[in-house]
Amino acid sequence: MSTHTGDSHAPVGEGGPRRGGLTTGEVARRLGVAPTTVRTWDRRYGLGPDAHTDGRHRRWTAEDVARLERMCALTATGVPPAESARLARSEEAPTAAARPRGADAARRASAGRRSRAGSGLQLGDVRQECRGIARAALRLDAAVLDELLLAAIAEHGLVAAWTEVIVPTLQAVGRKWETSGEKYVEVEHFLSWHVSGALRRATPRTVEDRPAATTVLACVPGENHTLPLEVLSAALTERGVPVRMFGGALPVESLVAAVRRTGPAAVGLWAQSRTTASRPLAQHVAAMEWGVRGARRRPVVLTLGPGWAGQAVAGLARPSGLAEAVAALESSVYP
């Protein structure tokens, strides 16, 4: 499953639609949008293929795809869809006086600038799905965003979708608002919320408890970044590992009580920031014991997240990524 390194806005021509044109599904993948979005733009704004071929399936030419690329670029910069469609269909660029705000950036993006999502987001060489997700997030398009996130998870699996599609897009959105006077905070919140929802919809039912086979996941006190733990919980559940997820900023007393009540085989403690990572807390949880005399047990404790960098706790594992964390917790529960 190699990472896509092409440019979703590359000019159509060499490597473009083959003779006879592309199908709607192929066009959607090229643009990084949902097929339903392409059909909606066709039905609502008349952005369908100029020529019709024999048979039931419509085919899109290089000119048709170029028009849709202009539509993608314009909507990603905030131009309303109806106006974007009018401009995309127009053979002449609008005058400076009539050009909508953001249209200049959109025109540059649609010309094929590398490593952009048609939105000013610096995405680099990433899977093509990242670009479609970024556009939907910038448009605050909930329906398309959900469809693209679920499609990425279904196609690549939770771990690869998170690592290679969702994280690069989240990072790009985060960089955008950090460098633009926090203008895009709502986009980051919107995207995070929909990622969380997609994880829940894509995950099977909660796995029933099994004696000595439960994993406890919690953010350390003062830490509210729960999304990485949510995907870890989803990935473990997918593999049949019982998980008890306690979310953000769990107080010390509550964390200790949860560990005592569940008697987990493993505990994952997430810290996004070094200011929240607590070495004494991790050591205390790792030293907790339960069970009958002579058969006392302790949990395997994993320190998760960038906050633990430079805060290594002797004897406790610190996985470097999601795949490593899943493997470590799964082997702790089922050695």
C-alpha atoms as a PDB file:
ATOM      1  CA  MET A   1       0.000   0.000   0.000  1.00  0.00           C
ATOM      2  CA  SER A   2       2.292   2.719  -1.244  1.00  0.00           C
ATOM      3  CA  THR A   3       1.810   6.395  -0.428  1.00  0.00           C
ATOM      4  CA  HIS A   4       0.413   8.422  -3.322  1.00  0.00           C
ATOM      5  CA  THR A   5       2.864  11.169  -4.249  1.00  0.00           C
ATOM      6  CA  GLY A   6       1.113  12.632  -7.270  1.00  0.00           C
ATOM      7  CA  ASP A   7      -0.401  16.062  -7.602  1.00  0.00           C
ATOM      8  CA  SER A   8      -4.189  16.089  -7.576  1.00  0.00           C
ATOM      9  CA  HIS A   9      -4.136  19.337  -9.530  1.00  0.00           C
ATOM     10  CA  ALA A  10      -1.680  18.224 -12.224  1.00  0.00           C
ATOM     11  CA  PRO A  11      -2.718  19.541 -15.633  1.00  0.00           C
ATOM     12  CA  VAL A  12      -4.726  16.985 -17.521  1.00  0.00           C
ATOM     13  CA  GLY A  13      -2.908  15.881 -20.605  1.00  0.00           C
ATOM     14  CA  GLU A  14       0.097  13.645 -20.263  1.00  0.00           C
ATOM     15  CA  GLY A  15      -1.047  11.084 -17.682  1.00  0.00           C
ATOM     16  CA  GLY A  16      -4.539  12.575 -17.963  1.00  0.00           C
ATOM     17  CA  PRO A  17      -7.794  10.969 -19.086  1.00  0.00           C
ATOM     18  CA  ARG A  18      -7.228   8.187 -21.568  1.00  0.00           C
ATOM     19  CA  ARG A  19      -8.897   8.111 -24.943  1.00  0.00           C
ATOM     20  CA  GLY A  20     -12.625   7.802 -24.361  1.00  0.00           C
ATOM     21  CA  GLY A  21     -12.476   9.710 -21.068  1.00  0.00           C
ATOM     22  CA  LEU A  22     -12.721   8.874 -17.389  1.00  0.00           C
ATOM     23  CA  THR A  23     -15.645   7.472 -15.446  1.00  0.00           C
ATOM     24  CA  THR A  24     -17.237   9.535 -12.683  1.00  0.00           C
ATOM     25  CA  GLY A  25     -15.515   7.398 -10.043  1.00  0.00           C
ATOM     26  CA  GLU A  26     -12.119   7.921 -11.660  1.00  0.00           C
ATOM     27  CA  VAL A  27     -12.706  11.664 -11.841  1.00  0.00           C
ATOM     28  CA  ALA A  28     -13.669  11.763  -8.148  1.00  0.00           C
ATOM     29  CA  ARG A  29     -10.480   9.927  -7.164  1.00  0.00           C
ATOM     30  CA  ARG A  30      -8.394  12.257  -9.303  1.00  0.00           C
ATOM     31  CA  LEU A  31      -9.935  15.328  -7.659  1.00  0.00           C
ATOM     32  CA  GLY A  32     -10.010  13.881  -4.143  1.00  0.00           C
ATOM     33  CA  VAL A  33     -13.766  14.346  -3.688  1.00  0.00           C
ATOM     34  CA  ALA A  34     -16.695  11.988  -3.274  1.00  0.00           C
ATOM     35  CA  PRO A  35     -18.385  10.658  -6.450  1.00  0.00           C
ATOM     36  CA  THR A  36     -21.674  12.042  -5.134  1.00  0.00           C
ATOM     37  CA  THR A  37     -20.095  15.503  -5.123  1.00  0.00           C
ATOM     38  CA  VAL A  38     -19.206  15.209  -8.824  1.00  0.00           C
ATOM     39  CA  ARG A  39     -22.752  14.068  -9.636  1.00  0.00           C
ATOM     40  CA  THR A  40     -24.260  16.892  -7.567  1.00  0.00           C
ATOM     41  CA  TRP A  41     -22.144  19.485  -9.354  1.00  0.00           C
ATOM     42  CA  ASP A  42     -23.265  17.997 -12.665  1.00  0.00           C
ATOM     43  CA  ARG A  43     -26.964  17.968 -11.742  1.00  0.00           C
ATOM     44  CA  ARG A  44     -27.094  21.269  -9.859  1.00  0.00           C
ATOM     45  CA  TYR A  45     -24.613  23.451 -11.737  1.00  0.00           C
ATOM     46  CA  GLY A  46     -24.312  21.862 -15.167  1.00  0.00           C
ATOM     47  CA  LEU A  47     -20.681  20.840 -14.762  1.00  0.00           C
ATOM     48  CA  GLY A  48     -21.130  17.463 -16.451  1.00  0.00           C
ATOM     49  CA  PRO A  49     -19.284  16.173 -19.524  1.00  0.00           C
ATOM     50  CA  ASP A  50     -19.686  18.308 -22.634  1.00  0.00           C
ATOM     51  CA  ALA A  51     -20.017  15.287 -24.920  1.00  0.00           C
ATOM     52  CA  HIS A  52     -22.052  12.127 -24.364  1.00  0.00           C
ATOM     53  CA  THR A  53     -20.773   8.724 -25.410  1.00  0.00           C
ATOM     54  CA  ASP A  54     -22.818   5.706 -26.385  1.00  0.00           C
ATOM     55  CA  GLY A  55     -23.932   3.476 -23.545  1.00  0.00           C
ATOM     56  CA  ARG A  56     -25.099   4.128 -20.015  1.00  0.00           C
ATOM     57  CA  HIS A  57     -21.831   5.445 -18.561  1.00  0.00           C
ATOM     58  CA  ARG A  58     -20.764   9.035 -19.023  1.00  0.00           C
ATOM     59  CA  ARG A  59     -17.129   9.783 -19.817  1.00  0.00           C
ATOM     60  CA  TRP A  60     -15.188  12.880 -18.788  1.00  0.00           C
ATOM     61  CA  THR A  61     -12.620  14.464 -21.113  1.00  0.00           C
ATOM     62  CA  ALA A  62      -9.526  16.460 -20.172  1.00  0.00           C
ATOM     63  CA  GLU A  63     -11.495  19.704 -20.589  1.00  0.00           C
ATOM     64  CA  ASP A  64     -14.321  18.416 -18.385  1.00  0.00           C
ATOM     65  CA  VAL A  65     -11.879  17.463 -15.609  1.00  0.00           C
ATOM     66  CA  ALA A  66     -10.057  20.800 -15.872  1.00  0.00           C
ATOM     67  CA  ARG A  67     -13.383  22.569 -15.312  1.00  0.00           C
ATOM     68  CA  LEU A  68     -14.021  20.500 -12.191  1.00  0.00           C
ATOM     69  CA  GLU A  69     -10.507  21.260 -10.961  1.00  0.00           C
ATOM     70  CA  ARG A  70     -11.329  24.962 -11.207  1.00  0.00           C
ATOM     71  CA  MET A  71     -14.538  24.303  -9.265  1.00  0.00           C
ATOM     72  CA  CYS A  72     -12.598  22.504  -6.500  1.00  0.00           C
ATOM     73  CA  ALA A  73     -10.033  25.277  -6.228  1.00  0.00           C
ATOM     74  CA  LEU A  74     -12.633  28.042  -6.077  1.00  0.00           C
ATOM     75  CA  THR A  75     -14.867  26.406  -3.456  1.00  0.00           C
ATOM     76  CA  ALA A  76     -11.825  25.601  -1.296  1.00  0.00           C
ATOM     77  CA  THR A  77     -11.021  29.322  -1.023  1.00  0.00           C
ATOM     78  CA  GLY A  78     -14.518  30.199   0.169  1.00  0.00           C
ATOM     79  CA  VAL A  79     -16.204  31.190  -3.096  1.00  0.00           C
ATOM     80  CA  PRO A  80     -19.870  30.027  -2.927  1.00  0.00           C
ATOM     81  CA  PRO A  81     -20.560  26.885  -5.007  1.00  0.00           C
ATOM     82  CA  ALA A  82     -22.953  28.560  -7.441  1.00  0.00           C
ATOM     83  CA  GLU A  83     -20.487  31.370  -8.165  1.00  0.00           C
ATOM     84  CA  SER A  84     -17.611  28.872  -8.364  1.00  0.00           C
ATOM     85  CA  ALA A  85     -19.549  26.883 -10.955  1.00  0.00           C
ATOM     86  CA  ARG A  86     -20.255  30.017 -12.998  1.00  0.00           C
ATOM     87  CA  LEU A  87     -16.564  30.930 -12.976  1.00  0.00           C
ATOM     88  CA  ALA A  88     -15.494  27.356 -13.716  1.00  0.00           C
ATOM     89  CA  ARG A  89     -17.769  27.257 -16.763  1.00  0.00           C
ATOM     90  CA  SER A  90     -16.645  30.671 -17.986  1.00  0.00           C
ATOM     91  CA  GLU A  91     -14.010  30.634 -20.704  1.00  0.00           C
ATOM     92  CA  GLU A  92     -12.814  34.088 -19.678  1.00  0.00           C
ATOM     93  CA  ALA A  93     -11.392  34.904 -16.260  1.00  0.00           C
ATOM     94  CA  PRO A  94     -13.414  37.500 -14.300  1.00  0.00           C
ATOM     95  CA  THR A  95     -12.113  41.058 -14.238  1.00  0.00           C
ATOM     96  CA  ALA A  96     -10.257  42.252 -11.160  1.00  0.00           C
ATOM     97  CA  ALA A  97     -13.267  44.332 -10.112  1.00  0.00           C
ATOM     98  CA  ALA A  98     -15.725  41.467 -10.459  1.00  0.00           C
ATOM     99  CA  ARG A  99     -13.460  38.694  -9.189  1.00  0.00           C
ATOM    100  CA  PRO A 100     -14.678  37.294  -5.846  1.00  0.00           C
ATOM    101  CA  ARG A 101     -12.425  37.481  -2.853  1.00  0.00           C
ATOM    102  CA  GLY A 102      -9.995  34.548  -2.903  1.00  0.00           C
ATOM    103  CA  ALA A 103     -10.486  33.807  -6.596  1.00  0.00           C
ATOM    104  CA  ASP A 104      -6.881  34.778  -7.474  1.00  0.00           C
ATOM    105  CA  ALA A 105      -5.532  32.166  -5.074  1.00  0.00           C
ATOM    106  CA  ALA A 106      -7.988  29.621  -6.429  1.00  0.00           C
ATOM    107  CA  ARG A 107      -6.911  30.277 -10.028  1.00  0.00           C
ATOM    108  CA  ARG A 108      -3.267  29.783  -9.064  1.00  0.00           C
ATOM    109  CA  ALA A 109      -4.115  26.571  -7.252  1.00  0.00           C
ATOM    110  CA  SER A 110      -6.065  25.193 -10.180  1.00  0.00           C
ATOM    111  CA  ALA A 111      -3.079  25.852 -12.446  1.00  0.00           C
ATOM    112  CA  GLY A 112      -1.350  22.923 -10.820  1.00  0.00           C
ATOM    113  CA  ARG A 113       0.807  24.286  -8.013  1.00  0.00           C
ATOM    114  CA  ARG A 114       2.489  21.289  -6.350  1.00  0.00           C
ATOM    115  CA  SER A 115       1.887  20.303  -2.734  1.00  0.00           C
ATOM    116  CA  ARG A 116      -1.306  22.329  -2.312  1.00  0.00           C
ATOM    117  CA  ALA A 117      -4.867  21.288  -1.653  1.00  0.00           C
ATOM    118  CA  GLY A 118      -6.229  24.163  -3.724  1.00  0.00           C
ATOM    119  CA  SER A 119      -6.612  25.853  -0.364  1.00  0.00           C
ATOM    120  CA  GLY A 120      -3.255  27.237   0.696  1.00  0.00           C
ATOM    121  CA  LEU A 121      -2.693  24.188   2.910  1.00  0.00           C
ATOM    122  CA  GLN A 122       0.873  22.903   2.661  1.00  0.00           C
ATOM    123  CA  LEU A 123       0.271  19.166   2.378  1.00  0.00           C
ATOM    124  CA  GLY A 124       3.493  17.975   0.741  1.00  0.00           C
ATOM    125  CA  ASP A 125       3.634  14.559  -0.899  1.00  0.00           C
ATOM    126  CA  VAL A 126       0.657  12.801   0.640  1.00  0.00           C
ATOM    127  CA  ARG A 127      -2.108  10.451  -0.381  1.00  0.00           C
ATOM    128  CA  GLN A 128      -4.626  12.008  -2.737  1.00  0.00           C
ATOM    129  CA  GLU A 129      -7.393  11.478  -0.155  1.00  0.00           C
ATOM    130  CA  CYS A 130      -5.768  14.152   2.041  1.00  0.00           C
ATOM    131  CA  ARG A 131      -6.558  16.812  -0.518  1.00  0.00           C
ATOM    132  CA  GLY A 132     -10.222  15.906  -0.753  1.00  0.00           C
ATOM    133  CA  ILE A 133     -10.577  15.790   3.044  1.00  0.00           C
ATOM    134  CA  ALA A 134      -8.821  19.146   3.373  1.00  0.00           C
ATOM    135  CA  ARG A 135     -11.141  20.747   0.808  1.00  0.00           C
ATOM    136  CA  ALA A 136     -14.254  19.382   2.505  1.00  0.00           C
ATOM    137  CA  ALA A 137     -13.027  20.601   5.906  1.00  0.00           C
ATOM    138  CA  LEU A 138     -12.282  24.091   4.571  1.00  0.00           C
ATOM    139  CA  ARG A 139     -15.764  24.243   3.001  1.00  0.00           C
ATOM    140  CA  LEU A 140     -17.240  22.980   6.313  1.00  0.00           C
ATOM    141  CA  ASP A 141     -18.991  20.360   4.181  1.00  0.00           C
ATOM    142  CA  ALA A 142     -20.094  17.795   6.763  1.00  0.00           C
ATOM    143  CA  ALA A 143     -21.681  15.255   4.393  1.00  0.00           C
ATOM    144  CA  VAL A 144     -18.719  15.033   2.021  1.00  0.00           C
ATOM    145  CA  LEU A 145     -16.207  15.034   4.899  1.00  0.00           C
ATOM    146  CA  ASP A 146     -17.927  12.067   6.569  1.00  0.00           C
ATOM    147  CA  GLU A 147     -18.082  10.175   3.285  1.00  0.00           C
ATOM    148  CA  LEU A 148     -14.382  10.723   2.525  1.00  0.00           C
ATOM    149  CA  LEU A 149     -13.208   9.812   6.038  1.00  0.00           C
ATOM    150  CA  LEU A 150     -15.231   6.591   6.112  1.00  0.00           C
ATOM    151  CA  ALA A 151     -14.040   5.710   2.600  1.00  0.00           C
ATOM    152  CA  ALA A 152     -10.393   6.187   3.627  1.00  0.00           C
ATOM    153  CA  ILE A 153     -10.834   3.980   6.698  1.00  0.00           C
ATOM    154  CA  ALA A 154     -12.651   1.302   4.690  1.00  0.00           C
ATOM    155  CA  GLU A 155     -10.008   1.277   1.951  1.00  0.00           C
ATOM    156  CA  HIS A 156      -6.825   1.460   4.004  1.00  0.00           C
ATOM    157  CA  GLY A 157      -7.812   0.231   7.468  1.00  0.00           C
ATOM    158  CA  LEU A 158      -7.830   2.284  10.670  1.00  0.00           C
ATOM    159  CA  VAL A 159      -4.090   2.371  11.287  1.00  0.00           C
ATOM    160  CA  ALA A 160      -3.016   3.310   7.754  1.00  0.00           C
ATOM    161  CA  ALA A 161      -5.902   5.761   7.308  1.00  0.00           C
ATOM    162  CA  TRP A 162      -4.950   7.519  10.532  1.00  0.00           C
ATOM    163  CA  THR A 163      -1.208   7.571   9.867  1.00  0.00           C
ATOM    164  CA  GLU A 164      -1.172   8.331   6.153  1.00  0.00           C
ATOM    165  CA  VAL A 165      -4.397  10.273   5.541  1.00  0.00           C
ATOM    166  CA  ILE A 166      -5.927  11.806   8.672  1.00  0.00           C
ATOM    167  CA  VAL A 167      -2.809  12.906  10.586  1.00  0.00           C
ATOM    168  CA  PRO A 168      -1.189  14.737   7.617  1.00  0.00           C
ATOM    169  CA  THR A 169      -4.466  16.583   7.007  1.00  0.00           C
ATOM    170  CA  LEU A 170      -4.886  17.509  10.685  1.00  0.00           C
ATOM    171  CA  GLN A 171      -1.298  18.746  10.797  1.00  0.00           C
ATOM    172  CA  ALA A 172      -1.781  20.851   7.681  1.00  0.00           C
ATOM    173  CA  VAL A 173      -4.923  22.459   9.109  1.00  0.00           C
ATOM    174  CA  GLY A 174      -3.117  23.091  12.401  1.00  0.00           C
ATOM    175  CA  ARG A 175      -0.218  24.788  10.616  1.00  0.00           C
ATOM    176  CA  LYS A 176      -2.699  26.879   8.632  1.00  0.00           C
ATOM    177  CA  TRP A 177      -4.380  28.467  11.622  1.00  0.00           C
ATOM    178  CA  GLU A 178      -1.087  28.913  13.484  1.00  0.00           C
ATOM    179  CA  THR A 179       0.293  30.976  10.594  1.00  0.00           C
ATOM    180  CA  SER A 180      -2.852  32.905   9.688  1.00  0.00           C
ATOM    181  CA  GLY A 181      -3.824  34.631  12.904  1.00  0.00           C
ATOM    182  CA  GLU A 182      -5.975  31.685  14.027  1.00  0.00           C
ATOM    183  CA  LYS A 183      -8.441  32.253  11.194  1.00  0.00           C
ATOM    184  CA  TYR A 184      -9.005  28.532  10.697  1.00  0.00           C
ATOM    185  CA  VAL A 185      -9.609  27.352  14.262  1.00  0.00           C
ATOM    186  CA  GLU A 186     -13.170  26.407  13.334  1.00  0.00           C
ATOM    187  CA  VAL A 187     -11.855  24.188  10.531  1.00  0.00           C
ATOM    188  CA  GLU A 188      -9.573  22.275  12.899  1.00  0.00           C
ATOM    189  CA  HIS A 189     -12.388  21.766  15.409  1.00  0.00           C
ATOM    190  CA  PHE A 190     -14.771  20.753  12.625  1.00  0.00           C
ATOM    191  CA  LEU A 191     -12.326  18.231  11.165  1.00  0.00           C
ATOM    192  CA  SER A 192     -11.444  16.754  14.573  1.00  0.00           C
ATOM    193  CA  TRP A 193     -15.103  16.303  15.453  1.00  0.00           C
ATOM    194  CA  HIS A 194     -15.849  14.482  12.214  1.00  0.00           C
ATOM    195  CA  VAL A 195     -12.753  12.288  12.536  1.00  0.00           C
ATOM    196  CA  SER A 196     -13.975  11.282  15.992  1.00  0.00           C
ATOM    197  CA  GLY A 197     -17.411  10.460  14.592  1.00  0.00           C
ATOM    198  CA  ALA A 198     -15.944   8.458  11.709  1.00  0.00           C
ATOM    199  CA  LEU A 199     -13.861   6.393  14.129  1.00  0.00           C
ATOM    200  CA  ARG A 200     -16.959   5.480  16.113  1.00  0.00           C
ATOM    201  CA  ARG A 201     -18.962   4.553  13.032  1.00  0.00           C
ATOM    202  CA  ALA A 202     -16.134   2.484  11.589  1.00  0.00           C
ATOM    203  CA  THR A 203     -15.493   0.531  14.796  1.00  0.00           C
ATOM    204  CA  PRO A 204     -17.297  -2.710  15.631  1.00  0.00           C
ATOM    205  CA  ARG A 205     -19.283  -3.085  18.815  1.00  0.00           C
ATOM    206  CA  THR A 206     -17.485  -2.715  22.121  1.00  0.00           C
ATOM    207  CA  VAL A 207     -15.683  -5.933  23.034  1.00  0.00           C
ATOM    208  CA  GLU A 208     -16.929  -7.621  26.194  1.00  0.00           C
ATOM    209  CA  ASP A 209     -14.612  -7.779  29.180  1.00  0.00           C
ATOM    210  CA  ARG A 210     -12.504 -10.862  29.630  1.00  0.00           C
ATOM    211  CA  PRO A 211     -10.716 -11.585  32.935  1.00  0.00           C
ATOM    212  CA  ALA A 212      -7.228 -10.036  32.983  1.00  0.00           C
ATOM    213  CA  ALA A 213      -7.566  -8.968  29.328  1.00  0.00           C
ATOM    214  CA  THR A 214      -8.729  -5.351  29.514  1.00  0.00           C
ATOM    215  CA  THR A 215      -6.842  -2.235  28.426  1.00  0.00           C
ATOM    216  CA  VAL A 216      -7.424   1.116  30.133  1.00  0.00           C
ATOM    217  CA  LEU A 217      -6.801   4.247  28.037  1.00  0.00           C
ATOM    218  CA  ALA A 218      -6.790   7.727  29.560  1.00  0.00           C
ATOM    219  CA  CYS A 219      -5.284  11.156  29.132  1.00  0.00           C
ATOM    220  CA  VAL A 220      -3.181  12.281  32.072  1.00  0.00           C
ATOM    221  CA  PRO A 221      -4.583  15.065  34.293  1.00  0.00           C
ATOM    222  CA  GLY A 222      -4.629  18.398  32.481  1.00  0.00           C
ATOM    223  CA  GLU A 223      -4.510  16.777  29.027  1.00  0.00           C
ATOM    224  CA  ASN A 224      -7.535  17.156  26.748  1.00  0.00           C
ATOM    225  CA  HIS A 225      -6.218  15.896  23.370  1.00  0.00           C
ATOM    226  CA  THR A 226      -8.254  12.722  23.120  1.00  0.00           C
ATOM    227  CA  LEU A 227      -8.292  12.032  19.364  1.00  0.00           C
ATOM    228  CA  PRO A 228      -5.111   9.887  19.276  1.00  0.00           C
ATOM    229  CA  LEU A 229      -6.510   7.761  22.104  1.00  0.00           C
ATOM    230  CA  GLU A 230      -9.818   7.447  20.265  1.00  0.00           C
ATOM    231  CA  VAL A 231      -8.144   5.941  17.204  1.00  0.00           C
ATOM    232  CA  LEU A 232      -6.058   3.647  19.422  1.00  0.00           C
ATOM    233  CA  SER A 233      -9.227   2.486  21.165  1.00  0.00           C
ATOM    234  CA  ALA A 234     -10.914   1.894  17.807  1.00  0.00           C
ATOM    235  CA  ALA A 235      -7.936  -0.090  16.456  1.00  0.00           C
ATOM    236  CA  LEU A 236      -7.778  -2.295  19.557  1.00  0.00           C
ATOM    237  CA  THR A 237     -11.532  -2.890  19.486  1.00  0.00           C
ATOM    238  CA  GLU A 238     -11.230  -3.885  15.832  1.00  0.00           C
ATOM    239  CA  ARG A 239      -8.744  -6.543  16.925  1.00  0.00           C
ATOM    240  CA  GLY A 240     -11.014  -7.927  19.642  1.00  0.00           C
ATOM    241  CA  VAL A 241      -9.187  -6.336  22.589  1.00  0.00           C
ATOM    242  CA  PRO A 242     -11.485  -5.138  25.418  1.00  0.00           C
ATOM    243  CA  VAL A 243     -10.914  -1.414  26.018  1.00  0.00           C
ATOM    244  CA  ARG A 244     -12.075   0.961  28.698  1.00  0.00           C
ATOM    245  CA  MET A 245     -11.653   4.503  27.390  1.00  0.00           C
ATOM    246  CA  PHE A 246     -11.738   7.373  29.912  1.00  0.00           C
ATOM    247  CA  GLY A 247     -10.956  10.291  27.639  1.00  0.00           C
ATOM    248  CA  GLY A 248      -9.462  13.647  28.583  1.00  0.00           C
ATOM    249  CA  ALA A 249      -7.950  15.039  31.774  1.00  0.00           C
ATOM    250  CA  LEU A 250      -8.816  12.149  34.089  1.00  0.00           C
ATOM    251  CA  PRO A 251      -8.015  13.204  37.692  1.00  0.00           C
ATOM    252  CA  VAL A 252      -5.380  11.170  39.494  1.00  0.00           C
ATOM    253  CA  GLU A 253      -7.830   9.719  42.022  1.00  0.00           C
ATOM    254  CA  SER A 254     -10.235   8.699  39.273  1.00  0.00           C
ATOM    255  CA  LEU A 255      -7.472   7.069  37.210  1.00  0.00           C
ATOM    256  CA  VAL A 256      -6.299   5.055  40.200  1.00  0.00           C
ATOM    257  CA  ALA A 257      -9.883   4.028  40.995  1.00  0.00           C
ATOM    258  CA  ALA A 258     -10.487   2.966  37.371  1.00  0.00           C
ATOM    259  CA  VAL A 259      -7.350   0.812  37.346  1.00  0.00           C
ATOM    260  CA  ARG A 260      -8.275  -0.843  40.649  1.00  0.00           C
ATOM    261  CA  ARG A 261     -11.861  -1.532  39.543  1.00  0.00           C
ATOM    262  CA  THR A 262     -10.971  -3.009  36.153  1.00  0.00           C
ATOM    263  CA  GLY A 263      -7.710  -4.829  36.972  1.00  0.00           C
ATOM    264  CA  PRO A 264      -6.393  -4.223  33.443  1.00  0.00           C
ATOM    265  CA  ALA A 265      -3.618  -6.115  31.720  1.00  0.00           C
ATOM    266  CA  ALA A 266      -2.371  -2.826  30.282  1.00  0.00           C
ATOM    267  CA  VAL A 267      -2.771   0.927  30.792  1.00  0.00           C
ATOM    268  CA  GLY A 268      -2.054   3.564  28.135  1.00  0.00           C
ATOM    269  CA  LEU A 269      -1.423   7.110  29.407  1.00  0.00           C
ATOM    270  CA  TRP A 270      -1.558   9.874  26.782  1.00  0.00           C
ATOM    271  CA  ALA A 271       0.271  13.198  27.140  1.00  0.00           C
ATOM    272  CA  GLN A 272       0.359  15.696  24.275  1.00  0.00           C
ATOM    273  CA  SER A 273       2.501  18.200  26.159  1.00  0.00           C
ATOM    274  CA  ARG A 274       5.558  17.824  28.368  1.00  0.00           C
ATOM    275  CA  THR A 275       3.820  20.032  30.908  1.00  0.00           C
ATOM    276  CA  THR A 276       1.151  17.351  31.457  1.00  0.00           C
ATOM    277  CA  ALA A 277       3.360  14.232  31.302  1.00  0.00           C
ATOM    278  CA  SER A 278       3.908  13.041  34.870  1.00  0.00           C
ATOM    279  CA  ARG A 279       6.653  10.513  35.544  1.00  0.00           C
ATOM    280  CA  PRO A 280       5.539   9.950  39.191  1.00  0.00           C
ATOM    281  CA  LEU A 281       1.971   9.205  38.034  1.00  0.00           C
ATOM    282  CA  ALA A 282       3.136   6.635  35.485  1.00  0.00           C
ATOM    283  CA  GLN A 283       5.385   4.998  38.076  1.00  0.00           C
ATOM    284  CA  HIS A 284       2.539   4.890  40.611  1.00  0.00           C
ATOM    285  CA  VAL A 285       0.142   3.193  38.157  1.00  0.00           C
ATOM    286  CA  ALA A 286       2.848   0.702  37.130  1.00  0.00           C
ATOM    287  CA  ALA A 287       3.384  -0.226  40.791  1.00  0.00           C
ATOM    288  CA  MET A 288      -0.298  -0.927  41.530  1.00  0.00           C
ATOM    289  CA  GLU A 289      -1.129  -4.544  42.374  1.00  0.00           C
ATOM    290  CA  TRP A 290      -4.284  -6.628  42.719  1.00  0.00           C
ATOM    291  CA  GLY A 291      -5.282 -10.265  42.976  1.00  0.00           C
ATOM    292  CA  VAL A 292      -4.929 -12.945  45.635  1.00  0.00           C
ATOM    293  CA  ARG A 293      -1.771 -13.277  47.717  1.00  0.00           C
ATOM    294  CA  GLY A 294       0.816 -15.271  45.847  1.00  0.00           C
ATOM    295  CA  ALA A 295      -0.681 -14.367  42.466  1.00  0.00           C
ATOM    296  CA  ARG A 296      -0.528 -10.601  42.527  1.00  0.00           C
ATOM    297  CA  ARG A 297      -0.575  -8.803  39.177  1.00  0.00           C
ATOM    298  CA  ARG A 298       0.527  -5.422  37.883  1.00  0.00           C
ATOM    299  CA  PRO A 299      -0.494  -3.673  34.667  1.00  0.00           C
ATOM    300  CA  VAL A 300       1.823  -3.087  31.748  1.00  0.00           C
ATOM    301  CA  VAL A 301       1.956   0.716  31.457  1.00  0.00           C
ATOM    302  CA  LEU A 302       2.642   2.475  28.146  1.00  0.00           C
ATOM    303  CA  THR A 303       3.499   6.173  28.003  1.00  0.00           C
ATOM    304  CA  LEU A 304       1.848   7.480  24.815  1.00  0.00           C
ATOM    305  CA  GLY A 305       2.176  10.768  22.973  1.00  0.00           C
ATOM    306  CA  PRO A 306       4.819  13.444  22.315  1.00  0.00           C
ATOM    307  CA  GLY A 307       4.576  14.784  25.858  1.00  0.00           C
ATOM    308  CA  TRP A 308       6.669  11.870  27.116  1.00  0.00           C
ATOM    309  CA  ALA A 309       9.630  12.794  24.900  1.00  0.00           C
ATOM    310  CA  GLY A 310      12.473  13.503  27.291  1.00  0.00           C
ATOM    311  CA  GLN A 311      10.316  12.184  30.140  1.00  0.00           C
ATOM    312  CA  ALA A 312      11.197   8.511  29.761  1.00  0.00           C
ATOM    313  CA  VAL A 313      10.123   6.327  32.665  1.00  0.00           C
ATOM    314  CA  ALA A 314      12.454   3.443  33.447  1.00  0.00           C
ATOM    315  CA  GLY A 315      10.886   0.089  32.616  1.00  0.00           C
ATOM    316  CA  LEU A 316       7.884   1.557  30.769  1.00  0.00           C
ATOM    317  CA  ALA A 317       7.471   1.295  27.003  1.00  0.00           C
ATOM    318  CA  ARG A 318       6.987   4.401  24.859  1.00  0.00           C
ATOM    319  CA  PRO A 319       5.723   3.337  21.389  1.00  0.00           C
ATOM    320  CA  SER A 320       6.713   5.667  18.574  1.00  0.00           C
ATOM    321  CA  GLY A 321       3.414   5.517  16.673  1.00  0.00           C
ATOM    322  CA  LEU A 322      -0.060   4.050  16.419  1.00  0.00           C
ATOM    323  CA  ALA A 323       0.960   0.725  14.885  1.00  0.00           C
ATOM    324  CA  GLU A 324       3.591   0.179  17.575  1.00  0.00           C
ATOM    325  CA  ALA A 325       1.134   1.088  20.346  1.00  0.00           C
ATOM    326  CA  VAL A 326      -1.492  -1.325  18.986  1.00  0.00           C
ATOM    327  CA  ALA A 327       1.072  -4.140  18.779  1.00  0.00           C
ATOM    328  CA  ALA A 328       2.426  -3.473  22.277  1.00  0.00           C
ATOM    329  CA  LEU A 329      -0.997  -3.346  23.934  1.00  0.00           C
ATOM    330  CA  GLU A 330      -2.284  -6.372  22.027  1.00  0.00           C
ATOM    331  CA  SER A 331       0.744  -8.428  23.068  1.00  0.00           C
ATOM    332  CA  SER A 332       0.297  -7.285  26.691  1.00  0.00           C
ATOM    333  CA  VAL A 333      -3.293  -8.460  26.734  1.00  0.00           C
ATOM    334  CA  TYR A 334      -2.653 -11.663  24.792  1.00  0.00           C
ATOM    335  CA  PRO A 335       1.034 -12.540  25.444  1.00  0.00           C
END
